[in-house]
Protein backbone atom coordinates (compact mmCIF):
# COMPACT_ATOMS: atom_id res chain seq x y z
CA MET A 1 9.29 -10.57 -28.66
CA PHE A 2 9.52 -10.66 -24.62
CA VAL A 3 6.15 -11.46 -23.40
CA PHE A 4 5.64 -9.96 -19.94
CA ILE A 5 3.03 -12.04 -17.07
CA VAL A 6 1.29 -8.92 -15.25
CA ASN A 7 -0.54 -10.33 -11.99
CA PRO A 8 -3.11 -6.82 -11.56
CA VAL A 9 -4.36 -7.72 -7.97
CA ALA A 10 0.09 -7.58 -7.14
CA GLY A 11 1.23 -4.98 -3.81
CA ASN A 12 -2.72 -3.97 -3.85
CA GLY A 13 -2.49 -2.25 -7.51
CA PHE A 14 1.04 -1.78 -7.51
CA ALA A 15 1.69 -4.19 -10.54
CA ARG A 16 -1.21 -2.84 -12.78
CA LYS A 17 0.30 0.65 -12.38
CA THR A 18 4.15 -1.07 -13.70
CA ALA A 19 2.41 -3.01 -16.41
CA ASP A 20 1.35 0.64 -17.91
CA GLN A 21 4.81 2.27 -17.11
CA ILE A 22 6.58 -1.16 -18.84
CA ARG A 23 4.41 -0.44 -21.88
CA THR A 24 5.15 3.11 -22.21
CA CYS A 25 8.85 2.48 -21.83
CA LEU A 26 8.87 -0.25 -24.03
CA ASP A 27 7.36 1.49 -26.45
CA GLU A 28 9.44 4.56 -26.62
CA LYS A 29 12.86 1.89 -27.01
CA GLY A 30 10.92 -0.26 -30.33
CA VAL A 31 10.84 -3.41 -28.24
CA GLU A 32 8.63 -5.99 -28.96
CA TYR A 33 7.10 -7.11 -26.79
CA ARG A 34 3.63 -9.33 -25.63
CA LEU A 35 1.59 -8.09 -22.09
CA VAL A 36 -0.67 -10.80 -20.36
CA TYR A 37 -3.01 -10.20 -17.36
CA THR A 38 -3.71 -13.25 -14.88
CA GLU A 39 -7.14 -14.12 -13.77
CA TYR A 40 -7.27 -17.06 -11.58
CA PRO A 41 -4.18 -18.77 -9.81
CA GLY A 42 -2.53 -20.42 -11.69
CA HIS A 43 -2.76 -19.13 -14.23
CA ALA A 44 0.83 -17.67 -14.90
CA THR A 45 1.75 -20.87 -14.42
CA GLU A 46 -0.45 -21.42 -17.68
CA LEU A 47 0.27 -18.62 -19.36
CA ALA A 48 3.77 -19.01 -18.95
CA ALA A 49 4.15 -22.34 -20.68
CA GLY A 50 2.32 -21.21 -23.66
CA ALA A 51 4.15 -18.31 -23.86
CA ALA A 52 7.52 -20.31 -23.81
CA ALA A 53 5.44 -23.19 -26.43
CA ASP A 54 6.07 -19.52 -29.29
CA GLN A 55 9.53 -20.00 -31.28
CA ALA A 56 8.83 -16.07 -31.28
CA CYS A 57 9.30 -16.12 -27.50
CA GLU A 58 13.00 -14.39 -26.35
CA ALA A 59 12.01 -14.04 -22.61
CA VAL A 60 8.99 -14.64 -20.32
CA ILE A 61 9.11 -11.72 -17.43
CA SER A 62 6.61 -12.20 -14.34
CA VAL A 63 5.51 -8.69 -13.12
CA GLY A 64 4.37 -9.14 -9.81
CA GLY A 65 5.57 -10.42 -6.46
CA ASP A 66 6.50 -13.61 -5.22
CA GLY A 67 4.41 -15.68 -5.99
CA THR A 68 3.70 -14.73 -10.02
CA ALA A 69 7.82 -15.54 -10.57
CA PHE A 70 6.99 -18.59 -8.67
CA GLU A 71 4.34 -19.16 -11.03
CA VAL A 72 5.89 -18.07 -14.28
CA ALA A 73 9.06 -19.83 -13.46
CA SER A 74 6.54 -22.87 -13.08
CA GLY A 75 5.97 -23.01 -16.36
CA LEU A 76 9.03 -21.85 -18.01
CA LEU A 77 10.72 -25.15 -16.03
CA ASP A 78 10.97 -27.02 -18.65
CA SER A 79 11.92 -25.37 -21.32
CA ALA A 80 14.65 -23.54 -21.89
CA VAL A 81 12.90 -19.92 -22.43
CA PRO A 82 15.46 -17.43 -20.41
CA PHE A 83 13.01 -16.19 -16.57
CA GLY A 84 13.13 -12.85 -15.97
CA ILE A 85 11.31 -11.08 -12.87
CA ILE A 86 9.48 -6.99 -12.27
CA PRO A 87 9.42 -7.48 -8.45
CA ALA A 88 6.20 -5.25 -8.00
CA GLY A 89 4.44 -6.94 -5.43
CA THR A 90 3.98 -6.69 -2.12
CA GLY A 91 7.45 -8.65 -0.09
CA ASN A 92 9.32 -9.71 -3.49
CA ASP A 93 12.06 -11.27 -1.12
CA PHE A 94 13.37 -12.88 -4.20
CA ILE A 95 14.99 -10.72 -5.49
CA LYS A 96 17.01 -9.65 -2.09
CA THR A 97 18.83 -13.04 -2.88
CA VAL A 98 19.45 -12.65 -6.77
CA ALA A 99 20.57 -8.92 -6.28
CA ILE A 100 18.02 -8.36 -9.06
CA PRO A 101 16.90 -4.15 -8.31
CA ARG A 102 13.92 -3.47 -6.78
CA LYS A 103 12.16 -0.72 -8.37
CA PRO A 104 10.40 -2.52 -10.99
CA MET A 105 11.67 0.50 -14.31
CA ASP A 106 15.40 -0.28 -12.91
CA ALA A 107 14.79 -4.12 -12.97
CA LEU A 108 13.01 -3.53 -16.76
CA GLU A 109 16.63 -1.62 -17.51
CA PHE A 110 18.75 -4.88 -16.75
CA ILE A 111 16.65 -7.37 -17.93
CA LEU A 112 17.05 -5.33 -21.59
CA SER A 113 20.69 -4.67 -20.99
CA HIS A 114 22.36 -8.55 -19.51
CA LYS A 115 21.41 -11.60 -20.35
CA PRO A 116 20.17 -14.34 -18.00
CA ARG A 117 22.68 -17.00 -16.18
CA PRO A 118 21.64 -20.79 -14.37
CA VAL A 119 19.95 -20.48 -11.20
CA ASP A 120 19.40 -22.77 -8.86
CA VAL A 121 15.69 -24.29 -8.09
CA GLY A 122 14.05 -26.48 -5.53
CA SER A 123 11.16 -28.82 -5.78
CA MET A 124 9.06 -30.02 -2.91
CA ASN A 125 7.04 -33.45 -3.79
CA ASP A 126 7.98 -32.91 -7.14
CA LYS A 127 6.43 -29.17 -6.80
CA LEU A 128 8.60 -26.47 -7.84
CA PHE A 129 9.55 -23.88 -5.81
CA LEU A 130 12.16 -20.34 -6.09
CA ASN A 131 12.62 -19.14 -2.64
CA VAL A 132 12.13 -20.28 1.12
CA CYS A 133 9.57 -23.62 2.20
CA GLY A 134 9.31 -23.73 5.61
CA THR A 135 7.39 -25.06 9.02
CA GLY A 136 6.72 -23.53 12.25
CA PHE A 137 6.17 -20.14 13.39
CA ASP A 138 6.98 -18.61 10.82
CA VAL A 139 3.57 -20.07 9.22
CA THR A 140 1.64 -18.64 11.94
CA VAL A 141 3.11 -16.00 10.77
CA LEU A 142 1.99 -16.14 7.84
CA ASP A 143 -1.41 -16.78 8.78
CA TYR A 144 -1.56 -13.42 9.44
CA THR A 145 0.91 -11.50 7.29
CA LEU A 146 -1.09 -12.45 4.44
CA ALA A 147 -4.15 -11.04 5.96
CA ALA A 148 -2.13 -7.80 6.45
CA LYS A 149 -1.14 -7.92 2.87
CA LYS A 150 -4.46 -6.69 1.92
CA TYR A 151 -4.05 -2.61 3.50
CA PHE A 152 0.02 -2.65 3.31
CA ARG A 153 3.20 -3.36 1.30
CA GLY A 154 7.01 -4.04 2.16
CA ILE A 155 8.26 -5.30 5.47
CA LEU A 156 5.10 -4.10 8.03
CA PRO A 157 2.86 -6.96 7.39
CA TYR A 158 5.46 -9.80 8.49
CA LEU A 159 6.06 -7.01 11.64
CA ILE A 160 2.39 -7.54 12.52
CA GLY A 161 2.41 -11.22 11.85
CA LEU A 162 5.17 -12.02 13.86
CA VAL A 163 3.14 -9.97 17.06
CA ARG A 164 0.14 -12.13 16.58
CA GLY A 165 1.58 -15.09 15.50
CA ILE A 166 3.24 -14.90 19.19
CA PHE A 167 -0.48 -15.45 20.92
CA HIS A 168 -1.20 -18.13 18.47
CA HIS A 169 2.20 -19.78 18.24
CA THR A 170 2.40 -23.85 19.30
CA PRO A 171 5.16 -26.33 18.84
CA ALA A 172 6.09 -27.88 15.68
CA HIS A 173 7.06 -31.92 15.81
CA VAL A 174 9.60 -32.95 13.30
CA ARG A 175 11.17 -35.48 12.13
CA PHE A 176 13.84 -34.37 9.56
CA THR A 177 16.31 -36.02 7.05
CA ALA A 178 19.71 -33.80 5.77
CA ASP A 179 20.93 -35.40 3.16
CA GLY A 180 20.74 -39.49 4.82
CA LYS A 181 20.90 -37.83 8.70
CA THR A 182 17.78 -37.91 11.27
CA GLN A 183 17.03 -36.24 14.13
CA GLU A 184 13.48 -35.10 15.75
CA LYS A 185 12.39 -32.48 18.12
CA ASP A 186 10.01 -30.03 18.89
CA VAL A 187 10.83 -26.73 16.52
CA LEU A 188 9.94 -23.04 16.23
CA ILE A 189 11.63 -22.84 12.69
CA CYS A 190 12.59 -25.36 10.11
CA ALA A 191 13.38 -23.83 7.29
CA VAL A 192 14.69 -25.26 4.01
CA ALA A 193 15.94 -22.41 1.81
CA ASN A 194 17.38 -21.47 -1.35
CA GLY A 195 16.93 -17.69 -1.38
CA ARG A 196 17.87 -15.94 2.22
CA PHE A 197 14.43 -13.71 2.93
CA ILE A 198 10.85 -14.28 4.00
CA GLY A 199 8.31 -11.87 4.74
CA GLY A 200 9.44 -8.92 2.83
CA GLY A 201 13.12 -8.67 3.84
CA ILE A 202 13.19 -10.73 6.88
CA ALA A 203 16.69 -12.48 6.01
CA ILE A 204 16.17 -16.68 7.71
CA CYS A 205 19.10 -18.43 5.98
CA PRO A 206 21.06 -14.90 5.75
CA ASP A 207 24.27 -17.88 4.39
CA ALA A 208 21.48 -19.27 1.35
CA SER A 209 22.67 -18.44 -2.22
CA ALA A 210 20.94 -19.19 -5.58
CA ASP A 211 23.81 -20.88 -7.75
CA ASP A 212 25.31 -22.85 -5.22
CA GLY A 213 23.51 -26.36 -6.15
CA LYS A 214 22.78 -26.74 -2.19
CA PHE A 215 19.46 -25.97 0.24
CA ASP A 216 20.25 -24.44 3.60
CA LEU A 217 18.37 -26.09 6.17
CA VAL A 218 17.32 -24.15 9.10
CA VAL A 219 16.26 -25.58 12.36
CA VAL A 220 15.82 -23.62 15.39
CA GLU A 221 14.08 -25.53 18.68
CA ASP A 222 11.08 -24.27 20.15
CA ARG A 223 10.78 -22.56 23.10
CA LYS A 224 8.30 -21.27 25.24
CA ARG A 225 5.09 -17.84 23.78
CA TRP A 226 7.41 -15.60 26.45
CA GLN A 227 10.50 -16.35 25.19
CA ILE A 228 9.77 -16.38 21.40
CA PRO A 229 10.05 -11.89 22.05
CA TYR A 230 13.88 -12.72 22.60
CA TYR A 231 14.83 -13.61 19.78
CA LEU A 232 13.09 -11.29 17.39
CA PRO A 233 15.15 -8.85 16.87
CA GLY A 234 18.14 -10.98 16.28
CA LEU A 235 15.49 -12.58 14.26
CA LEU A 236 14.43 -9.38 12.33
CA LEU A 237 18.35 -8.51 12.14
CA GLY A 238 19.36 -12.09 11.04
CA LYS A 239 21.16 -13.36 13.01
CA VAL A 240 19.66 -16.28 13.58
CA LEU A 241 22.57 -18.57 13.41
CA SER A 242 24.02 -17.09 15.92
CA PHE A 243 21.19 -18.24 18.42
CA LYS A 244 22.64 -21.29 20.54
CA ILE A 245 19.17 -23.06 19.09
CA THR A 246 19.82 -22.88 15.68
CA THR A 247 20.89 -26.05 13.29
CA HIS A 248 22.39 -25.00 10.35
CA TYR A 249 23.04 -27.80 7.51
CA ARG A 250 23.33 -26.74 3.35
CA CYS A 251 22.47 -30.25 1.36
CA SER A 252 21.54 -31.72 -1.49
CA GLU A 253 18.40 -33.47 0.04
CA VAL A 254 16.01 -32.90 3.22
CA GLU A 255 12.80 -34.78 3.93
CA ILE A 256 10.36 -34.12 6.56
CA ILE A 257 7.82 -35.58 8.15
CA SER A 258 4.81 -33.86 11.46
CA LYS A 259 1.86 -35.70 11.00
CA GLY A 260 -0.96 -32.64 10.50
CA MET A 261 1.94 -29.93 9.09
CA ARG A 262 1.18 -27.23 7.57
CA LEU A 263 3.86 -25.56 5.00
CA ASN A 264 4.39 -22.49 3.59
CA VAL A 265 5.65 -23.69 -0.26
CA ASP A 266 6.29 -19.53 -1.14
CA GLY A 267 4.40 -18.07 0.53
CA GLU A 268 1.38 -20.75 -0.44
CA ILE A 269 0.37 -23.08 2.94
CA LEU A 270 -0.11 -27.12 2.15
CA PRO A 271 -1.37 -29.75 4.56
CA LEU A 272 0.80 -33.08 4.67
CA ASP A 273 2.80 -34.81 6.74
CA LYS A 274 5.78 -35.92 4.13
CA ALA A 275 7.81 -32.99 2.04
CA VAL A 276 10.22 -34.08 0.51
CA PHE A 277 13.33 -31.90 -1.25
CA ARG A 278 15.61 -31.74 -3.48
CA ILE A 279 17.92 -29.06 -5.02
CA GLN A 280 17.55 -28.91 -9.08
CA PRO A 281 20.88 -26.50 -10.01
CA GLY A 282 21.08 -24.44 -12.89
CA LYS A 283 17.54 -25.57 -13.66
CA LEU A 284 16.19 -22.28 -14.93
CA MET A 285 17.86 -18.82 -16.51
CA LEU A 286 17.19 -15.74 -14.92
CA TYR A 287 17.87 -12.22 -15.53
CA TRP A 288 19.31 -11.33 -13.32
């Protein structure tokens, strides 16, 4: 039996419509399944853990955006139950790294016709993440992106967030340690990545791979507000690693310390002063 966990508000209701299509398709194919719907933040994790405890469950599938996928993965972390993603949210960034089909019904067909493979996950202070964590300009942008997501899907909310973020940017002073080597500086972006994309398709860590057993740490030195627009075209085109102000590391463990830090963890903004990141190679079995 396949269990589909649907976030009915993801993608401004697109996930609910997708669930109806999934039901029709599976009924026609005679596939045994169960559709369940989330009701509050964190509910997908509870539902996934409950499904994984059922011996009849063959796989648990997320139907929603990156936040839903993150919650479902959290509920499956200590089980051997395979994990699938049907993209029906606003940004759907993690699927772009692992080449899951972008159209929901194509993703469903992929799950039904392929076997799951191991994929890396990251931990941040023992909290799971699948895609990218970061602090700095991208968190300011995310504040305004979340507001725009109420009205738009795809990359447009992030573009709106970028423009508004320029006028509200303040430098983030961080001390970061990558595999035992420490530096301290003001940063525009400090991103720890298992995946490549944020904001509906912006390649913040274009060299990242979700099955290499390593993080990609991308640090962009701070610039004044009026200088930021100069770097935006390169950022949007996935050329962040070519900036002279960018340093790129590949590492297994990262520590970031910054007083009053606001950290983006797969789209959730958390206030904290210290974050420790550790890679967990092949921790989940994913259809990809």
